[in-house]
C-alpha atoms as a PDB file:
ATOM      1  CA  MET A   1       0.000   0.000   0.000  1.00  0.00           C
ATOM      2  CA  GLN A   2       2.890   2.365   0.781  1.00  0.00           C
ATOM      3  CA  GLU A   3       4.167   1.988  -2.787  1.00  0.00           C
ATOM      4  CA  TYR A   4       0.837   3.130  -4.233  1.00  0.00           C
ATOM      5  CA  MET A   5       0.733   6.098  -1.869  1.00  0.00           C
ATOM      6  CA  THR A   6       4.153   7.102  -3.171  1.00  0.00           C
ATOM      7  CA  LEU A   7       2.926   6.849  -6.767  1.00  0.00           C
ATOM      8  CA  ALA A   8      -0.122   8.970  -5.925  1.00  0.00           C
ATOM      9  CA  LEU A   9       2.129  11.585  -4.307  1.00  0.00           C
ATOM     10  CA  ALA A  10       4.324  11.752  -7.422  1.00  0.00           C
ATOM     11  CA  ILE A  11       1.249  12.211  -9.622  1.00  0.00           C
ATOM     12  CA  LEU A  12      -0.189  14.960  -7.432  1.00  0.00           C
ATOM     13  CA  ILE A  13       3.079  16.890  -7.135  1.00  0.00           C
ATOM     14  CA  ALA A  14       3.741  16.781 -10.883  1.00  0.00           C
ATOM     15  CA  PHE A  15       0.123  17.701 -11.674  1.00  0.00           C
ATOM     16  CA  ALA A  16       0.118  20.624  -9.235  1.00  0.00           C
ATOM     17  CA  LEU A  17       3.455  21.964 -10.458  1.00  0.00           C
ATOM     18  CA  THR A  18       2.360  21.820 -14.096  1.00  0.00           C
ATOM     19  CA  ILE A  19      -0.931  23.652 -13.585  1.00  0.00           C
ATOM     20  CA  ALA A  20       0.837  26.225 -11.423  1.00  0.00           C
ATOM     21  CA  ILE A  21       3.689  26.947 -13.843  1.00  0.00           C
ATOM     22  CA  CYS A  22       1.923  26.818 -17.232  1.00  0.00           C
ATOM     23  CA  PRO A  23      -0.122  30.032 -16.726  1.00  0.00           C
ATOM     24  CA  ILE A  24       3.149  31.838 -16.007  1.00  0.00           C
ATOM     25  CA  PHE A  25       5.228  30.134 -18.699  1.00  0.00           C
ATOM     26  CA  ILE A  26       2.796  30.412 -21.640  1.00  0.00           C
ATOM     27  CA  PRO A  27       2.769  34.255 -21.660  1.00  0.00           C
ATOM     28  CA  LEU A  28       6.578  34.150 -21.475  1.00  0.00           C
ATOM     29  CA  LEU A  29       6.723  31.942 -24.572  1.00  0.00           C
ATOM     30  CA  LYS A  30       4.413  34.379 -26.352  1.00  0.00           C
ATOM     31  CA  LYS A  31       6.603  37.296 -25.331  1.00  0.00           C
ATOM     32  CA  ILE A  32       9.738  35.751 -26.832  1.00  0.00           C
ATOM     33  CA  LYS A  33       7.714  34.720 -29.902  1.00  0.00           C
ATOM     34  CA  ALA A  34       8.362  30.992 -29.421  1.00  0.00           C
ATOM     35  CA  GLY A  35       5.516  30.086 -31.759  1.00  0.00           C
ATOM     36  CA  GLN A  36       4.920  26.811 -33.569  1.00  0.00           C
ATOM     37  CA  SER A  37       5.846  26.662 -37.258  1.00  0.00           C
ATOM     38  CA  ILE A  38       3.313  24.547 -39.143  1.00  0.00           C
ATOM     39  CA  ARG A  39       4.475  22.081 -41.797  1.00  0.00           C
ATOM     40  CA  GLU A  40       3.778  23.461 -45.258  1.00  0.00           C
ATOM     41  CA  ASP A  41       2.731  19.997 -46.464  1.00  0.00           C
ATOM     42  CA  GLY A  42       0.497  19.324 -43.423  1.00  0.00           C
ATOM     43  CA  PRO A  43      -3.302  19.501 -43.225  1.00  0.00           C
ATOM     44  CA  LYS A  44      -4.545  22.981 -44.149  1.00  0.00           C
ATOM     45  CA  SER A  45      -6.758  22.997 -41.046  1.00  0.00           C
ATOM     46  CA  HIS A  46      -3.590  23.228 -38.943  1.00  0.00           C
ATOM     47  CA  LEU A  47      -2.581  26.600 -40.365  1.00  0.00           C
ATOM     48  CA  VAL A  48      -4.671  28.339 -37.674  1.00  0.00           C
ATOM     49  CA  LYS A  49      -2.316  26.813 -35.087  1.00  0.00           C
ATOM     50  CA  SER A  50       0.657  28.722 -36.440  1.00  0.00           C
ATOM     51  CA  GLY A  51       2.165  30.886 -33.732  1.00  0.00           C
ATOM     52  CA  THR A  52       0.776  28.858 -30.827  1.00  0.00           C
ATOM     53  CA  PRO A  53       3.513  28.779 -28.140  1.00  0.00           C
ATOM     54  CA  THR A  54       5.668  25.675 -28.258  1.00  0.00           C
ATOM     55  CA  MET A  55       8.411  24.214 -26.023  1.00  0.00           C
ATOM     56  CA  GLY A  56       5.852  23.696 -23.263  1.00  0.00           C
ATOM     57  CA  GLY A  57       7.710  20.457 -22.642  1.00  0.00           C
ATOM     58  CA  ILE A  58      10.064  22.502 -20.476  1.00  0.00           C
ATOM     59  CA  VAL A  59       7.313  22.701 -17.857  1.00  0.00           C
ATOM     60  CA  ILE A  60       6.711  18.945 -18.079  1.00  0.00           C
ATOM     61  CA  ILE A  61      10.408  18.206 -17.605  1.00  0.00           C
ATOM     62  CA  PHE A  62      10.696  20.563 -14.633  1.00  0.00           C
ATOM     63  CA  ALA A  63       7.587  19.110 -12.957  1.00  0.00           C
ATOM     64  CA  VAL A  64       8.681  15.504 -13.514  1.00  0.00           C
ATOM     65  CA  ILE A  65      12.144  16.108 -12.073  1.00  0.00           C
ATOM     66  CA  LEU A  66      10.866  17.823  -8.926  1.00  0.00           C
ATOM     67  CA  ALA A  67       8.054  15.311  -8.393  1.00  0.00           C
ATOM     68  CA  SER A  68      10.384  12.340  -8.909  1.00  0.00           C
ATOM     69  CA  LEU A  69      12.901  13.619  -6.396  1.00  0.00           C
ATOM     70  CA  SER A  70      10.248  14.732  -3.908  1.00  0.00           C
ATOM     71  CA  ALA A  71       8.132  11.576  -3.932  1.00  0.00           C
ATOM     72  CA  GLY A  72      10.973   9.147  -4.452  1.00  0.00           C
ATOM     73  CA  ALA A  73      14.592   9.373  -3.444  1.00  0.00           C
ATOM     74  CA  PRO A  74      17.735  10.678  -5.195  1.00  0.00           C
ATOM     75  CA  LYS A  75      19.095   7.152  -5.569  1.00  0.00           C
ATOM     76  CA  ARG A  76      21.413   6.135  -8.384  1.00  0.00           C
ATOM     77  CA  GLU A  77      18.683   4.615 -10.539  1.00  0.00           C
ATOM     78  CA  MET A  78      16.514   7.716 -10.286  1.00  0.00           C
ATOM     79  CA  LEU A  79      19.431   9.968 -11.173  1.00  0.00           C
ATOM     80  CA  ILE A  80      20.263   7.818 -14.216  1.00  0.00           C
ATOM     81  CA  ILE A  81      16.667   8.043 -15.448  1.00  0.00           C
ATOM     82  CA  LEU A  82      16.510  11.790 -14.911  1.00  0.00           C
ATOM     83  CA  VAL A  83      19.828  12.396 -16.683  1.00  0.00           C
ATOM     84  CA  ALA A  84      18.616  10.443 -19.723  1.00  0.00           C
ATOM     85  CA  PHE A  85      15.240  12.215 -19.518  1.00  0.00           C
ATOM     86  CA  MET A  86      16.930  15.631 -19.495  1.00  0.00           C
ATOM     87  CA  ALA A  87      19.320  14.600 -22.294  1.00  0.00           C
ATOM     88  CA  PHE A  88      16.404  13.740 -24.581  1.00  0.00           C
ATOM     89  CA  GLY A  89      14.691  16.942 -23.495  1.00  0.00           C
ATOM     90  CA  ALA A  90      17.820  18.986 -24.295  1.00  0.00           C
ATOM     91  CA  LEU A  91      17.979  17.405 -27.745  1.00  0.00           C
ATOM     92  CA  GLY A  92      14.326  18.243 -28.308  1.00  0.00           C
ATOM     93  CA  PHE A  93      14.856  21.790 -27.038  1.00  0.00           C
ATOM     94  CA  THR A  94      17.700  22.271 -29.509  1.00  0.00           C
ATOM     95  CA  ASP A  95      15.428  21.033 -32.284  1.00  0.00           C
ATOM     96  CA  ASP A  96      12.645  23.405 -31.200  1.00  0.00           C
ATOM     97  CA  PHE A  97      15.080  26.304 -30.923  1.00  0.00           C
ATOM     98  CA  VAL A  98      16.201  25.764 -34.511  1.00  0.00           C
ATOM     99  CA  LYS A  99      12.565  25.832 -35.614  1.00  0.00           C
ATOM    100  CA  VAL A 100      11.724  28.967 -33.612  1.00  0.00           C
ATOM    101  CA  ALA A 101      14.921  31.011 -33.955  1.00  0.00           C
ATOM    102  CA  LEU A 102      15.913  30.019 -37.479  1.00  0.00           C
ATOM    103  CA  LYS A 103      12.317  29.585 -38.704  1.00  0.00           C
ATOM    104  CA  ARG A 104      13.210  26.166 -40.146  1.00  0.00           C
ATOM    105  CA  ASN A 105      10.107  24.105 -39.374  1.00  0.00           C
ATOM    106  CA  LEU A 106      11.884  20.763 -39.791  1.00  0.00           C
ATOM    107  CA  GLY A 107      14.395  21.583 -37.051  1.00  0.00           C
ATOM    108  CA  LEU A 108      17.639  19.643 -36.767  1.00  0.00           C
ATOM    109  CA  ARG A 109      18.733  17.271 -39.507  1.00  0.00           C
ATOM    110  CA  ALA A 110      17.525  13.708 -39.079  1.00  0.00           C
ATOM    111  CA  TYR A 111      21.047  12.305 -38.777  1.00  0.00           C
ATOM    112  CA  GLN A 112      21.888  14.819 -36.045  1.00  0.00           C
ATOM    113  CA  LYS A 113      18.918  13.814 -33.907  1.00  0.00           C
ATOM    114  CA  LEU A 114      19.403  10.104 -34.546  1.00  0.00           C
ATOM    115  CA  THR A 115      23.108  10.184 -33.674  1.00  0.00           C
ATOM    116  CA  MET A 116      22.475  11.853 -30.316  1.00  0.00           C
ATOM    117  CA  GLN A 117      19.565   9.534 -29.530  1.00  0.00           C
ATOM    118  CA  VAL A 118      21.665   6.454 -30.238  1.00  0.00           C
ATOM    119  CA  LEU A 119      24.493   7.742 -28.015  1.00  0.00           C
ATOM    120  CA  ILE A 120      22.107   8.302 -25.105  1.00  0.00           C
ATOM    121  CA  ALA A 121      20.449   4.918 -25.654  1.00  0.00           C
ATOM    122  CA  VAL A 122      23.735   3.016 -25.847  1.00  0.00           C
ATOM    123  CA  GLY A 123      24.852   4.724 -22.645  1.00  0.00           C
ATOM    124  CA  ILE A 124      21.745   3.419 -20.857  1.00  0.00           C
ATOM    125  CA  ALA A 125      22.257  -0.052 -22.316  1.00  0.00           C
ATOM    126  CA  LEU A 126      25.862  -0.128 -21.092  1.00  0.00           C
ATOM    127  CA  TYR A 127      24.738   1.013 -17.643  1.00  0.00           C
ATOM    128  CA  ALA A 128      22.158  -1.780 -17.469  1.00  0.00           C
ATOM    129  CA  ASP A 129      24.701  -4.309 -18.722  1.00  0.00           C
ATOM    130  CA  VAL A 130      27.229  -3.633 -15.943  1.00  0.00           C
ATOM    131  CA  THR A 131      24.772  -3.202 -13.053  1.00  0.00           C
ATOM    132  CA  GLU A 132      22.162  -5.313 -11.317  1.00  0.00           C
ATOM    133  CA  VAL A 133      19.674  -4.496 -14.082  1.00  0.00           C
ATOM    134  CA  GLY A 134      21.396  -7.095 -16.222  1.00  0.00           C
ATOM    135  CA  THR A 135      20.784  -8.197 -19.797  1.00  0.00           C
ATOM    136  CA  SER A 136      17.584 -10.165 -19.232  1.00  0.00           C
ATOM    137  CA  ILE A 137      14.121  -8.997 -20.274  1.00  0.00           C
ATOM    138  CA  TRP A 138      10.744 -10.133 -18.984  1.00  0.00           C
ATOM    139  CA  VAL A 139       8.572 -11.881 -21.562  1.00  0.00           C
ATOM    140  CA  PRO A 140       4.798 -11.328 -21.328  1.00  0.00           C
ATOM    141  CA  PHE A 141       2.349 -14.237 -21.515  1.00  0.00           C
ATOM    142  CA  ILE A 142       4.940 -16.869 -20.529  1.00  0.00           C
ATOM    143  CA  ASN A 143       6.167 -14.929 -17.444  1.00  0.00           C
ATOM    144  CA  THR A 144       9.835 -15.728 -17.824  1.00  0.00           C
ATOM    145  CA  TYR A 145      13.081 -13.874 -18.439  1.00  0.00           C
ATOM    146  CA  TRP A 146      15.284 -14.142 -21.524  1.00  0.00           C
ATOM    147  CA  ASN A 147      18.945 -13.245 -21.357  1.00  0.00           C
ATOM    148  CA  LEU A 148      19.807 -11.472 -24.608  1.00  0.00           C
ATOM    149  CA  GLY A 149      23.545 -11.542 -24.033  1.00  0.00           C
ATOM    150  CA  ASN A 150      25.396  -9.775 -26.863  1.00  0.00           C
ATOM    151  CA  PHE A 151      22.114  -8.740 -28.475  1.00  0.00           C
ATOM    152  CA  TYR A 152      21.084  -6.740 -25.406  1.00  0.00           C
ATOM    153  CA  ILE A 153      22.801  -3.431 -26.191  1.00  0.00           C
ATOM    154  CA  PRO A 154      21.490  -3.091 -29.776  1.00  0.00           C
ATOM    155  CA  PHE A 155      18.040  -4.233 -28.612  1.00  0.00           C
ATOM    156  CA  VAL A 156      17.857  -1.628 -25.845  1.00  0.00           C
ATOM    157  CA  ALA A 157      19.204   1.083 -28.134  1.00  0.00           C
ATOM    158  CA  PHE A 158      16.479   0.259 -30.671  1.00  0.00           C
ATOM    159  CA  VAL A 159      13.732   0.294 -28.022  1.00  0.00           C
ATOM    160  CA  ILE A 160      14.744   3.683 -26.624  1.00  0.00           C
ATOM    161  CA  VAL A 161      15.287   5.400 -29.970  1.00  0.00           C
ATOM    162  CA  ALA A 162      12.124   3.887 -31.455  1.00  0.00           C
ATOM    163  CA  LEU A 163       9.871   4.949 -28.576  1.00  0.00           C
ATOM    164  CA  ALA A 164      11.336   8.463 -28.381  1.00  0.00           C
ATOM    165  CA  ASN A 165      10.636   9.027 -32.069  1.00  0.00           C
ATOM    166  CA  SER A 166       7.243   7.332 -31.949  1.00  0.00           C
ATOM    167  CA  VAL A 167       6.011   9.703 -29.239  1.00  0.00           C
ATOM    168  CA  ASN A 168       7.448  12.566 -31.265  1.00  0.00           C
ATOM    169  CA  LEU A 169       5.446  11.458 -34.333  1.00  0.00           C
ATOM    170  CA  THR A 170       2.281  11.092 -32.236  1.00  0.00           C
ATOM    171  CA  ASP A 171       2.522  14.724 -31.117  1.00  0.00           C
ATOM    172  CA  GLY A 172       0.513  16.136 -34.000  1.00  0.00           C
ATOM    173  CA  LEU A 173      -2.952  16.881 -32.618  1.00  0.00           C
ATOM    174  CA  ASP A 174      -4.093  18.877 -29.590  1.00  0.00           C
ATOM    175  CA  GLY A 175      -3.840  16.649 -26.529  1.00  0.00           C
ATOM    176  CA  LEU A 176      -2.981  13.484 -28.451  1.00  0.00           C
ATOM    177  CA  ALA A 177       0.582  12.768 -27.304  1.00  0.00           C
ATOM    178  CA  ALA A 178       0.028  14.139 -23.788  1.00  0.00           C
ATOM    179  CA  GLY A 179      -3.105  12.031 -23.257  1.00  0.00           C
ATOM    180  CA  VAL A 180      -1.739   8.786 -24.679  1.00  0.00           C
ATOM    181  CA  THR A 181       1.528   9.244 -22.781  1.00  0.00           C
ATOM    182  CA  ALA A 182      -0.307   9.925 -19.504  1.00  0.00           C
ATOM    183  CA  ILE A 183      -2.198   6.628 -19.846  1.00  0.00           C
ATOM    184  CA  VAL A 184       0.911   4.639 -20.808  1.00  0.00           C
ATOM    185  CA  ALA A 185       2.989   6.224 -18.025  1.00  0.00           C
ATOM    186  CA  LEU A 186       0.315   5.424 -15.434  1.00  0.00           C
ATOM    187  CA  PHE A 187       0.293   1.827 -16.627  1.00  0.00           C
ATOM    188  CA  MET A 188       4.104   1.656 -16.415  1.00  0.00           C
ATOM    189  CA  ALA A 189       3.977   2.962 -12.846  1.00  0.00           C
ATOM    190  CA  LEU A 190       1.421   0.339 -11.782  1.00  0.00           C
ATOM    191  CA  ALA A 191       3.053  -2.468 -13.767  1.00  0.00           C
ATOM    192  CA  GLY A 192       6.484  -1.675 -12.350  1.00  0.00           C
ATOM    193  CA  THR A 193       5.065  -1.840  -8.835  1.00  0.00           C
ATOM    194  CA  LEU A 194       3.613  -5.284  -9.609  1.00  0.00           C
ATOM    195  CA  MET A 195       7.092  -6.330 -10.760  1.00  0.00           C
ATOM    196  CA  GLY A 196       8.541  -5.281  -7.403  1.00  0.00           C
ATOM    197  CA  GLU A 197      10.127  -2.026  -8.580  1.00  0.00           C
ATOM    198  CA  ILE A 198       9.723   1.387  -6.963  1.00  0.00           C
ATOM    199  CA  ILE A 199      12.191   3.965  -8.366  1.00  0.00           C
ATOM    200  CA  SER A 200      11.184   3.741 -12.031  1.00  0.00           C
ATOM    201  CA  PRO A 201       7.449   3.553 -11.189  1.00  0.00           C
ATOM    202  CA  VAL A 202       7.726   6.830  -9.240  1.00  0.00           C
ATOM    203  CA  PHE A 203       9.290   8.483 -12.296  1.00  0.00           C
ATOM    204  CA  CYS A 204       6.519   7.121 -14.549  1.00  0.00           C
ATOM    205  CA  ALA A 205       3.868   8.316 -12.087  1.00  0.00           C
ATOM    206  CA  ALA A 206       5.414  11.795 -12.216  1.00  0.00           C
ATOM    207  CA  ILE A 207       5.192  11.721 -16.021  1.00  0.00           C
ATOM    208  CA  ALA A 208       1.522  10.735 -15.801  1.00  0.00           C
ATOM    209  CA  GLY A 209       0.767  13.609 -13.418  1.00  0.00           C
ATOM    210  CA  ALA A 210       2.679  16.175 -15.487  1.00  0.00           C
ATOM    211  CA  CYS A 211       0.954  15.097 -18.706  1.00  0.00           C
ATOM    212  CA  MET A 212      -2.468  15.284 -17.068  1.00  0.00           C
ATOM    213  CA  GLY A 213      -1.712  18.792 -15.852  1.00  0.00           C
ATOM    214  CA  PHE A 214      -0.371  19.795 -19.267  1.00  0.00           C
ATOM    215  CA  LEU A 215      -3.564  18.552 -20.911  1.00  0.00           C
ATOM    216  CA  LEU A 216      -5.492  21.374 -19.241  1.00  0.00           C
ATOM    217  CA  PHE A 217      -3.577  23.757 -21.510  1.00  0.00           C
ATOM    218  CA  ASN A 218      -2.890  21.435 -24.466  1.00  0.00           C
ATOM    219  CA  ARG A 219      -6.400  20.102 -25.090  1.00  0.00           C
ATOM    220  CA  HIS A 220      -8.282  21.428 -28.119  1.00  0.00           C
ATOM    221  CA  PRO A 221      -7.933  24.287 -28.877  1.00  0.00           C
ATOM    222  CA  ALA A 222      -4.404  24.098 -27.521  1.00  0.00           C
ATOM    223  CA  ARG A 223      -2.942  27.110 -25.750  1.00  0.00           C
ATOM    224  CA  VAL A 224       0.540  25.568 -25.817  1.00  0.00           C
ATOM    225  CA  PHE A 225       2.368  22.675 -27.490  1.00  0.00           C
ATOM    226  CA  MET A 226       4.975  20.486 -25.815  1.00  0.00           C
ATOM    227  CA  GLY A 227       7.227  20.547 -28.878  1.00  0.00           C
ATOM    228  CA  ASP A 228      10.085  18.117 -29.421  1.00  0.00           C
ATOM    229  CA  THR A 229      11.343  19.268 -26.023  1.00  0.00           C
ATOM    230  CA  GLY A 230       8.480  17.375 -24.412  1.00  0.00           C
ATOM    231  CA  SER A 231       7.821  14.530 -26.833  1.00  0.00           C
ATOM    232  CA  LEU A 232      11.431  13.315 -27.062  1.00  0.00           C
ATOM    233  CA  ALA A 233      11.870  13.603 -23.287  1.00  0.00           C
ATOM    234  CA  LEU A 234       8.650  11.682 -22.591  1.00  0.00           C
ATOM    235  CA  GLY A 235       9.337   8.915 -25.089  1.00  0.00           C
ATOM    236  CA  GLY A 236      12.952   8.561 -24.074  1.00  0.00           C
ATOM    237  CA  GLY A 237      12.128   8.713 -20.366  1.00  0.00           C
ATOM    238  CA  ILE A 238       9.447   6.017 -20.471  1.00  0.00           C
ATOM    239  CA  ALA A 239      11.692   3.799 -22.602  1.00  0.00           C
ATOM    240  CA  VAL A 240      14.590   4.142 -20.150  1.00  0.00           C
ATOM    241  CA  ALA A 241      12.277   3.345 -17.233  1.00  0.00           C
ATOM    242  CA  SER A 242      11.070   0.206 -19.022  1.00  0.00           C
ATOM    243  CA  VAL A 243      14.685  -0.872 -19.569  1.00  0.00           C
ATOM    244  CA  LEU A 244      15.566  -0.472 -15.894  1.00  0.00           C
ATOM    245  CA  MET A 245      12.452  -2.505 -14.989  1.00  0.00           C
ATOM    246  CA  ASN A 246      13.270  -5.166 -17.638  1.00  0.00           C
ATOM    247  CA  ILE A 247       9.791  -4.848 -19.203  1.00  0.00           C
ATOM    248  CA  GLU A 248      10.717  -3.528 -22.637  1.00  0.00           C
ATOM    249  CA  LEU A 249       8.572  -6.109 -24.432  1.00  0.00           C
ATOM    250  CA  ILE A 250       5.372  -4.742 -22.907  1.00  0.00           C
ATOM    251  CA  ILE A 251       5.819  -1.424 -24.745  1.00  0.00           C
ATOM    252  CA  PRO A 252       4.484  -2.599 -28.149  1.00  0.00           C
ATOM    253  CA  LEU A 253       1.337  -3.764 -26.351  1.00  0.00           C
ATOM    254  CA  VAL A 254       0.577  -0.695 -24.232  1.00  0.00           C
ATOM    255  CA  GLY A 255       2.029   1.732 -26.737  1.00  0.00           C
ATOM    256  CA  GLY A 256       0.059   0.379 -29.685  1.00  0.00           C
ATOM    257  CA  ILE A 257      -0.833   3.905 -30.798  1.00  0.00           C
ATOM    258  CA  PHE A 258       2.835   4.927 -30.775  1.00  0.00           C
ATOM    259  CA  VAL A 259       3.704   1.830 -32.813  1.00  0.00           C
ATOM    260  CA  ALA A 260       0.888   2.464 -35.309  1.00  0.00           C
ATOM    261  CA  GLU A 261       1.936   6.095 -35.783  1.00  0.00           C
ATOM    262  CA  ALA A 262       5.561   5.133 -36.439  1.00  0.00           C
ATOM    263  CA  LEU A 263       4.696   2.207 -38.722  1.00  0.00           C
ATOM    264  CA  SER A 264       2.387   4.394 -40.788  1.00  0.00           C
ATOM    265  CA  VAL A 265       5.330   6.669 -41.571  1.00  0.00           C
ATOM    266  CA  VAL A 266       7.635   3.738 -42.409  1.00  0.00           C
ATOM    267  CA  ILE A 267       5.010   2.119 -44.644  1.00  0.00           C
ATOM    268  CA  GLN A 268       4.238   5.417 -46.373  1.00  0.00           C
ATOM    269  CA  VAL A 269       7.891   6.136 -47.141  1.00  0.00           C
ATOM    270  CA  ILE A 270       8.667   2.624 -48.379  1.00  0.00           C
ATOM    271  CA  SER A 271       5.544   2.481 -50.523  1.00  0.00           C
ATOM    272  CA  PHE A 272       6.157   5.874 -52.106  1.00  0.00           C
ATOM    273  CA  LYS A 273       9.830   5.176 -52.823  1.00  0.00           C
ATOM    274  CA  THR A 274       9.279   1.680 -54.228  1.00  0.00           C
ATOM    275  CA  ARG A 275       5.889   2.032 -55.943  1.00  0.00           C
ATOM    276  CA  GLY A 276       5.406   5.760 -56.261  1.00  0.00           C
ATOM    277  CA  LYS A 277       2.097   5.390 -54.401  1.00  0.00           C
ATOM    278  CA  ARG A 278       0.912   6.364 -50.932  1.00  0.00           C
ATOM    279  CA  VAL A 279      -0.870   3.894 -48.658  1.00  0.00           C
ATOM    280  CA  PHE A 280      -2.266   6.615 -46.394  1.00  0.00           C
ATOM    281  CA  LYS A 281      -3.673  10.001 -47.346  1.00  0.00           C
ATOM    282  CA  MET A 282      -1.010  11.464 -45.095  1.00  0.00           C
ATOM    283  CA  ALA A 283       1.320  10.115 -42.408  1.00  0.00           C
ATOM    284  CA  PRO A 284       1.543   9.849 -39.428  1.00  0.00           C
ATOM    285  CA  LEU A 285      -1.693   7.924 -39.010  1.00  0.00           C
ATOM    286  CA  HIS A 286      -3.661  10.664 -37.222  1.00  0.00           C
ATOM    287  CA  HIS A 287      -3.361  12.874 -40.304  1.00  0.00           C
ATOM    288  CA  HIS A 288      -4.863  10.091 -42.437  1.00  0.00           C
ATOM    289  CA  PHE A 289      -7.980  10.112 -40.279  1.00  0.00           C
ATOM    290  CA  GLU A 290      -8.092  13.915 -40.379  1.00  0.00           C
ATOM    291  CA  LEU A 291      -8.101  13.916 -44.171  1.00  0.00           C
ATOM    292  CA  SER A 292     -10.713  11.148 -44.097  1.00  0.00           C
ATOM    293  CA  GLY A 293     -13.119  13.574 -42.424  1.00  0.00           C
ATOM    294  CA  TRP A 294     -12.677  12.768 -38.729  1.00  0.00           C
ATOM    295  CA  LYS A 295     -12.721  15.710 -36.342  1.00  0.00           C
ATOM    296  CA  GLU A 296      -9.498  16.292 -34.426  1.00  0.00           C
ATOM    297  CA  THR A 297     -11.209  15.771 -31.074  1.00  0.00           C
ATOM    298  CA  LYS A 298     -12.712  12.458 -32.247  1.00  0.00           C
ATOM    299  CA  ILE A 299      -9.323  11.112 -33.304  1.00  0.00           C
ATOM    300  CA  VAL A 300      -7.797  12.088 -29.974  1.00  0.00           C
ATOM    301  CA  LEU A 301     -10.581  10.480 -27.928  1.00  0.00           C
ATOM    302  CA  VAL A 302     -10.516   7.275 -29.981  1.00  0.00           C
ATOM    303  CA  PHE A 303      -6.729   6.993 -29.664  1.00  0.00           C
ATOM    304  CA  TRP A 304      -6.989   7.627 -25.898  1.00  0.00           C
ATOM    305  CA  GLY A 305      -9.653   4.929 -25.638  1.00  0.00           C
ATOM    306  CA  ILE A 306      -7.585   2.394 -27.565  1.00  0.00           C
ATOM    307  CA  THR A 307      -4.597   3.113 -25.344  1.00  0.00           C
ATOM    308  CA  GLY A 308      -6.693   2.695 -22.218  1.00  0.00           C
ATOM    309  CA  LEU A 309      -7.973  -0.666 -23.471  1.00  0.00           C
ATOM    310  CA  LEU A 310      -4.469  -1.867 -24.369  1.00  0.00           C
ATOM    311  CA  CYS A 311      -3.087  -0.815 -21.000  1.00  0.00           C
ATOM    312  CA  THR A 312      -5.920  -2.468 -19.073  1.00  0.00           C
ATOM    313  CA  THR A 313      -5.432  -5.714 -20.999  1.00  0.00           C
ATOM    314  CA  SER A 314      -1.672  -5.603 -20.490  1.00  0.00           C
ATOM    315  CA  TYR A 315      -2.093  -4.987 -16.759  1.00  0.00           C
ATOM    316  CA  PHE A 316      -4.115  -8.178 -16.419  1.00  0.00           C
ATOM    317  CA  ILE A 317      -1.522 -10.040 -18.484  1.00  0.00           C
ATOM    318  CA  ILE A 318       1.149  -9.040 -15.969  1.00  0.00           C
ATOM    319  CA  LEU A 319      -1.179  -9.752 -13.040  1.00  0.00           C
ATOM    320  CA  ALA A 320      -1.947 -13.222 -14.415  1.00  0.00           C
ATOM    321  CA  GLY A 321       1.749 -13.952 -14.864  1.00  0.00           C
ATOM    322  CA  ARG A 322       2.974 -12.650 -11.522  1.00  0.00           C
ATOM    323  CA  TYR A 323       0.008 -13.281  -9.235  1.00  0.00           C
ATOM    324  CA  PRO A 324      -2.336 -15.839 -10.870  1.00  0.00           C
ATOM    325  CA  MET A 325      -4.098 -16.482  -7.545  1.00  0.00           C
ATOM    326  CA  MET A 326      -5.471 -12.926  -7.583  1.00  0.00           C
ATOM    327  CA  LEU A 327      -7.547 -13.578 -10.717  1.00  0.00           C
END
């Protein structure tokens, strides 16, 4: 019971900090003209969002750090997570700064972002390899651990980089990435507690609270966007937490929306380059539904609902594997 009280405290602190800071920070972003640049090839309906303050992820990062340290403890594992979290956030901030200051709406070059992401991810993999975290991962459904040995470092690097970019791709509609991430982070906090962890779950609970607070300002019509500062930090942070809890393989299940968004881009690019044809009206996937006539709010609610269903199902999968007598 004490563990769940700690998670609740982390959520409340992060939530309170976010709703307290955003009203102060949003006018500051407007004052320095840190407005969002809209993709020229994006949906025309998004043009009205041009100039909306971005880099709101700074508030999320600040709230998560304070909540994690306040509700948890500054132990080594927490510090490792927070360093990686801030590193992804710093990379995202640099990307946002290029967009805002240089008015280049694509930000940093793809190879620049990917190189830095891989370096951070490999660093986490090496840390896990030489500490008690180890090179084993928990396998859902069969409730056992597989030791990946030499394949562990490239596997972990792929998981972290893939999730960071998937969350980044999902951040395209008001409240979409923040809402989906809040649900996934809450699941990770509860699942980690079931697995006997406490440090990483506190961090995930803080993410859930910060995202819920941010939604009050990011829901449609959004008053602020998290930018790459927030999306890369959130994706990278949750991925690192999953690595330290050895539950990387649960991510494709709970993060089905993230996976679908990323796959839609991969499929679109491959199809266009090999066949000269597009599979979707526009990628990522949420834009396809927009151009199919769905309202932005409907897409967001449906994607939230799917994520909630996936997380609930996955929670019972873990519960059945770890504590079958409770079902």
